C-alpha atoms as a PDB file:
ATOM      1  CA  MET A   1      84.890  58.294 327.462  1.00  0.00           C
ATOM      2  CA  LEU A   2      81.890  60.507 326.895  1.00  0.00           C
ATOM      3  CA  GLN A   3      79.696  57.906 328.625  1.00  0.00           C
ATOM      4  CA  ALA A   4      82.060  57.967 331.666  1.00  0.00           C
ATOM      5  CA  SER A   5      81.815  61.761 331.750  1.00  0.00           C
ATOM      6  CA  ALA A   6      78.092  61.731 331.601  1.00  0.00           C
ATOM      7  CA  ILE A   7      77.886  59.191 334.398  1.00  0.00           C
ATOM      8  CA  LEU A   8      80.284  61.285 336.618  1.00  0.00           C
ATOM      9  CA  ASP A   9      78.370  64.495 335.855  1.00  0.00           C
ATOM     10  CA  ASN A  10      75.372  62.921 337.749  1.00  0.00           C
ATOM     11  CA  VAL A  11      72.855  65.299 336.179  1.00  0.00           C
ATOM     12  CA  ASP A  12      69.957  63.405 337.833  1.00  0.00           C
ATOM     13  CA  GLY A  13      71.573  63.800 341.331  1.00  0.00           C
ATOM     14  CA  ALA A  14      71.725  60.031 342.010  1.00  0.00           C
ATOM     15  CA  SER A  15      73.249  58.686 345.181  1.00  0.00           C
ATOM     16  CA  ALA A  16      76.935  57.769 345.488  1.00  0.00           C
ATOM     17  CA  GLN A  17      76.048  54.036 345.331  1.00  0.00           C
ATOM     18  CA  THR A  18      74.001  54.466 342.147  1.00  0.00           C
ATOM     19  CA  VAL A  19      76.723  56.496 340.429  1.00  0.00           C
ATOM     20  CA  TRP A  20      79.279  53.813 341.481  1.00  0.00           C
ATOM     21  CA  ARG A  21      77.118  51.066 340.031  1.00  0.00           C
ATOM     22  CA  ARG A  22      76.651  52.910 336.775  1.00  0.00           C
ATOM     23  CA  TYR A  23      80.339  53.581 336.534  1.00  0.00           C
ATOM     24  CA  GLU A  24      81.183  49.883 337.418  1.00  0.00           C
ATOM     25  CA  GLN A  25      78.845  48.808 334.529  1.00  0.00           C
ATOM     26  CA  TRP A  26      80.608  51.192 332.174  1.00  0.00           C
ATOM     27  CA  LEU A  27      83.934  49.733 333.309  1.00  0.00           C
ATOM     28  CA  GLN A  28      82.733  46.244 332.553  1.00  0.00           C
ATOM     29  CA  GLU A  29      81.702  47.308 329.015  1.00  0.00           C
ATOM     30  CA  LEU A  30      85.148  48.919 328.504  1.00  0.00           C
ATOM     31  CA  ASP A  31      86.770  45.676 329.687  1.00  0.00           C
ATOM     32  CA  ARG A  32      84.681  43.636 327.148  1.00  0.00           C
ATOM     33  CA  SER A  33      85.209  45.994 324.274  1.00  0.00           C
ATOM     34  CA  HIS A  34      87.353  45.090 321.272  1.00  0.00           C
ATOM     35  CA  VAL A  35      90.075  47.679 320.698  1.00  0.00           C
ATOM     36  CA  SER A  36      93.627  47.565 319.308  1.00  0.00           C
ATOM     37  CA  GLU A  37      96.400  46.143 321.497  1.00  0.00           C
ATOM     38  CA  PRO A  38      98.021  49.498 322.482  1.00  0.00           C
ATOM     39  CA  LEU A  39      94.580  50.761 323.509  1.00  0.00           C
ATOM     40  CA  ARG A  40      93.825  47.548 325.195  1.00  0.00           C
ATOM     41  CA  GLU A  41      96.935  47.831 327.364  1.00  0.00           C
ATOM     42  CA  CYS A  42      95.967  51.415 328.421  1.00  0.00           C
ATOM     43  CA  ALA A  43      92.396  50.213 329.185  1.00  0.00           C
ATOM     44  CA  ARG A  44      93.749  47.406 331.369  1.00  0.00           C
ATOM     45  CA  HIS A  45      95.822  49.912 333.336  1.00  0.00           C
ATOM     46  CA  PHE A  46      92.978  52.343 333.706  1.00  0.00           C
ATOM     47  CA  LEU A  47      90.609  49.512 334.873  1.00  0.00           C
ATOM     48  CA  ARG A  48      93.140  48.178 337.368  1.00  0.00           C
ATOM     49  CA  VAL A  49      93.791  51.610 338.847  1.00  0.00           C
ATOM     50  CA  THR A  50      90.179  52.662 338.929  1.00  0.00           C
ATOM     51  CA  ARG A  51      88.981  49.385 340.488  1.00  0.00           C
ATOM     52  CA  SER A  52      91.633  49.663 343.171  1.00  0.00           C
ATOM     53  CA  TYR A  53      90.089  52.822 344.345  1.00  0.00           C
ATOM     54  CA  GLY A  54      86.640  51.255 344.094  1.00  0.00           C
ATOM     55  CA  GLU A  55      83.759  52.943 345.969  1.00  0.00           C
ATOM     56  CA  HIS A  56      86.067  55.481 347.613  1.00  0.00           C
ATOM     57  CA  LEU A  57      86.116  57.560 344.409  1.00  0.00           C
ATOM     58  CA  PHE A  58      82.449  58.400 344.885  1.00  0.00           C
ATOM     59  CA  TYR A  59      82.257  59.979 348.375  1.00  0.00           C
ATOM     60  CA  CYS A  60      81.782  63.321 346.706  1.00  0.00           C
ATOM     61  CA  TYR A  61      78.373  62.302 345.540  1.00  0.00           C
ATOM     62  CA  GLY A  62      77.282  61.416 349.103  1.00  0.00           C
ATOM     63  CA  ILE A  63      78.671  64.409 350.952  1.00  0.00           C
ATOM     64  CA  ALA A  64      77.202  67.757 349.929  1.00  0.00           C
ATOM     65  CA  GLY A  65      79.872  70.369 349.152  1.00  0.00           C
ATOM     66  CA  LEU A  66      82.757  67.986 348.959  1.00  0.00           C
ATOM     67  CA  PRO A  67      84.892  68.776 345.849  1.00  0.00           C
ATOM     68  CA  ARG A  68      84.708  66.202 343.077  1.00  0.00           C
ATOM     69  CA  THR A  69      88.333  66.391 341.917  1.00  0.00           C
ATOM     70  CA  ASN A  70      91.761  66.598 343.586  1.00  0.00           C
ATOM     71  CA  ASN A  71      92.321  70.036 341.937  1.00  0.00           C
ATOM     72  CA  ALA A  72      89.112  71.281 343.485  1.00  0.00           C
ATOM     73  CA  LEU A  73      90.126  69.815 346.832  1.00  0.00           C
ATOM     74  CA  GLU A  74      93.520  71.392 346.633  1.00  0.00           C
ATOM     75  CA  GLN A  75      91.929  74.827 345.813  1.00  0.00           C
ATOM     76  CA  THR A  76      89.716  74.423 348.911  1.00  0.00           C
ATOM     77  CA  PHE A  77      92.818  73.715 351.118  1.00  0.00           C
ATOM     78  CA  GLY A  78      94.613  76.577 349.408  1.00  0.00           C
ATOM     79  CA  ARG A  79      91.848  78.946 350.349  1.00  0.00           C
ATOM     80  CA  VAL A  80      92.057  77.747 353.977  1.00  0.00           C
ATOM     81  CA  ARG A  81      95.789  78.333 354.012  1.00  0.00           C
ATOM     82  CA  TYR A  82      95.331  81.814 352.383  1.00  0.00           C
ATOM     83  CA  HIS A  83      92.835  82.898 355.085  1.00  0.00           C
ATOM     84  CA  GLU A  84      94.985  81.428 357.819  1.00  0.00           C
ATOM     85  CA  ARG A  85      98.023  83.355 356.640  1.00  0.00           C
ATOM     86  CA  ARG A  86      95.994  86.483 356.208  1.00  0.00           C
ATOM     87  CA  ALA A  87      94.388  86.330 359.628  1.00  0.00           C
ATOM     88  CA  SER A  88      97.656  85.514 361.384  1.00  0.00           C
ATOM     89  CA  GLY A  89      99.998  87.719 359.435  1.00  0.00           C
ATOM     90  CA  ARG A  90     102.337  84.892 358.723  1.00  0.00           C
ATOM     91  CA  LYS A  91     104.005  84.220 355.461  1.00  0.00           C
ATOM     92  CA  VAL A  92     103.333  80.554 355.608  1.00  0.00           C
ATOM     93  CA  ALA A  93     100.425  78.527 357.127  1.00  0.00           C
ATOM     94  CA  SER A  94     100.725  77.881 360.840  1.00  0.00           C
ATOM     95  CA  PRO A  95     102.296  74.400 361.722  1.00  0.00           C
ATOM     96  CA  SER A  96      99.266  73.943 364.085  1.00  0.00           C
ATOM     97  CA  LEU A  97      97.119  73.740 361.003  1.00  0.00           C
ATOM     98  CA  VAL A  98      98.668  70.400 360.321  1.00  0.00           C
ATOM     99  CA  THR A  99      98.314  69.108 363.806  1.00  0.00           C
ATOM    100  CA  ASP A 100      94.782  70.590 364.418  1.00  0.00           C
ATOM    101  CA  GLY A 101      93.708  70.270 360.815  1.00  0.00           C
ATOM    102  CA  SER A 102      91.132  67.548 361.563  1.00  0.00           C
ATOM    103  CA  VAL A 103      89.271  70.135 363.611  1.00  0.00           C
ATOM    104  CA  ARG A 104      90.230  73.494 362.132  1.00  0.00           C
ATOM    105  CA  VAL A 105      89.727  72.835 358.488  1.00  0.00           C
ATOM    106  CA  PRO A 106      86.118  71.541 358.753  1.00  0.00           C
ATOM    107  CA  ALA A 107      85.426  74.479 361.088  1.00  0.00           C
ATOM    108  CA  LEU A 108      86.791  76.996 358.762  1.00  0.00           C
ATOM    109  CA  LEU A 109      84.968  75.479 355.757  1.00  0.00           C
ATOM    110  CA  TYR A 110      81.672  75.318 357.746  1.00  0.00           C
ATOM    111  CA  THR A 111      81.817  78.926 359.022  1.00  0.00           C
ATOM    112  CA  ARG A 112      82.232  80.179 355.405  1.00  0.00           C
ATOM    113  CA  ALA A 113      79.174  78.195 354.297  1.00  0.00           C
ATOM    114  CA  ALA A 114      76.778  78.860 357.189  1.00  0.00           C
ATOM    115  CA  LEU A 115      76.267  81.105 360.231  1.00  0.00           C
ATOM    116  CA  VAL A 116      77.315  79.483 363.511  1.00  0.00           C
ATOM    117  CA  THR A 117      75.071  80.360 366.347  1.00  0.00           C
ATOM    118  CA  VAL A 118      75.574  80.282 370.149  1.00  0.00           C
ATOM    119  CA  GLN A 119      72.755  77.622 370.309  1.00  0.00           C
ATOM    120  CA  MET A 120      74.702  75.340 367.899  1.00  0.00           C
ATOM    121  CA  LEU A 121      77.851  75.680 369.925  1.00  0.00           C
ATOM    122  CA  ALA A 122      75.916  75.021 373.156  1.00  0.00           C
ATOM    123  CA  SER A 123      74.362  71.877 371.714  1.00  0.00           C
ATOM    124  CA  VAL A 124      77.798  70.137 371.350  1.00  0.00           C
ATOM    125  CA  PRO A 125      78.047  67.453 374.116  1.00  0.00           C
ATOM    126  CA  HIS A 126      80.718  68.396 376.527  1.00  0.00           C
ATOM    127  CA  THR A 127      82.073  64.878 376.821  1.00  0.00           C
ATOM    128  CA  ARG A 128      82.789  64.730 373.046  1.00  0.00           C
ATOM    129  CA  TRP A 129      84.341  68.134 373.093  1.00  0.00           C
ATOM    130  CA  ARG A 130      86.594  67.260 376.132  1.00  0.00           C
ATOM    131  CA  ALA A 131      87.609  63.959 374.561  1.00  0.00           C
ATOM    132  CA  ARG A 132      88.603  65.702 371.290  1.00  0.00           C
ATOM    133  CA  ARG A 133      90.637  68.405 373.255  1.00  0.00           C
ATOM    134  CA  ALA A 134      92.410  65.577 375.165  1.00  0.00           C
ATOM    135  CA  GLU A 135      93.383  63.920 371.789  1.00  0.00           C
ATOM    136  CA  LEU A 136      94.621  67.280 370.477  1.00  0.00           C
ATOM    137  CA  GLU A 137      96.512  67.901 373.699  1.00  0.00           C
ATOM    138  CA  GLN A 138      98.267  64.512 373.343  1.00  0.00           C
ATOM    139  CA  GLN A 139      99.291  65.411 369.772  1.00  0.00           C
ATOM    140  CA  HIS A 140     100.688  68.748 370.937  1.00  0.00           C
ATOM    141  CA  LYS A 141     102.496  67.099 373.805  1.00  0.00           C
ATOM    142  CA  ALA A 142     104.102  64.708 371.416  1.00  0.00           C
ATOM    143  CA  ARG A 143     105.076  67.580 369.102  1.00  0.00           C
ATOM    144  CA  ARG A 144     106.578  69.566 371.991  1.00  0.00           C
ATOM    145  CA  LEU A 145     108.664  66.509 373.113  1.00  0.00           C
ATOM    146  CA  ARG A 146     110.032  66.114 369.548  1.00  0.00           C
ATOM    147  CA  CYS A 147     110.984  69.656 369.440  1.00  0.00           C
ATOM    148  CA  ARG A 148     112.823  69.442 372.762  1.00  0.00           C
ATOM    149  CA  PHE A 149     114.651  66.389 371.583  1.00  0.00           C
ATOM    150  CA  ARG A 150     115.774  68.039 368.318  1.00  0.00           C
ATOM    151  CA  LYS A 151     116.990  71.175 370.084  1.00  0.00           C
ATOM    152  CA  HIS A 152     118.737  69.543 373.137  1.00  0.00           C
ATOM    153  CA  PRO A 153     119.015  65.789 372.602  1.00  0.00           C
ATOM    154  CA  GLU A 154     121.471  65.286 375.640  1.00  0.00           C
ATOM    155  CA  GLN A 155     119.256  67.069 378.093  1.00  0.00           C
ATOM    156  CA  TYR A 156     116.097  65.276 376.811  1.00  0.00           C
ATOM    157  CA  LEU A 157     117.634  61.985 377.160  1.00  0.00           C
ATOM    158  CA  ALA A 158     118.946  62.720 380.554  1.00  0.00           C
ATOM    159  CA  PHE A 159     115.396  63.776 381.543  1.00  0.00           C
ATOM    160  CA  LEU A 160     114.088  60.405 380.255  1.00  0.00           C
ATOM    161  CA  GLU A 161     116.701  58.521 382.210  1.00  0.00           C
ATOM    162  CA  GLN A 162     115.589  60.376 385.358  1.00  0.00           C
ATOM    163  CA  GLU A 163     111.927  59.492 384.635  1.00  0.00           C
ATOM    164  CA  ILE A 164     112.798  55.791 384.067  1.00  0.00           C
ATOM    165  CA  ASP A 165     114.747  55.795 387.394  1.00  0.00           C
ATOM    166  CA  LYS A 166     111.717  57.091 389.242  1.00  0.00           C
ATOM    167  CA  LEU A 167     109.628  54.377 387.754  1.00  0.00           C
ATOM    168  CA  THR A 168     111.961  51.654 388.662  1.00  0.00           C
ATOM    169  CA  LEU A 169     112.418  52.962 392.262  1.00  0.00           C
ATOM    170  CA  LEU A 170     108.622  52.794 392.783  1.00  0.00           C
ATOM    171  CA  SER A 171     108.569  49.045 392.105  1.00  0.00           C
END
């Protein structure tokens, strides 16, 4: 296990692919090792689970600043939720953090790590920005409709029936 720890520490700053190859070689050595039957069963389970994740376990070596463990990643999200609550005055994180998280979380993390300038914002292609805004608006629309259905299901279903009638009348 000390060998695995040394590989995962990546002291020499190797690429994600290299760390993955080194770890895979260590897994093969572990698979060939001669240990007692109870340890062998544990090793088989460990090997099966680790190999099922494969190369995906090593993204943290290829992306600067990405936490290496689930605990570190959870702490990062916890900091985002904490600052979100503090800035908004809410007791819990905003529900929009879930729906807009793919945009807001990276933005929050980036602005903590580096200064964002007007030039950086101006360099974003408008077409990409508009496309992303349209995707988010679709998500928001679906969320609003779900809320309307939960609050007033009869009215919502009547509205849908009217909309369907309009479509069939046009044909």
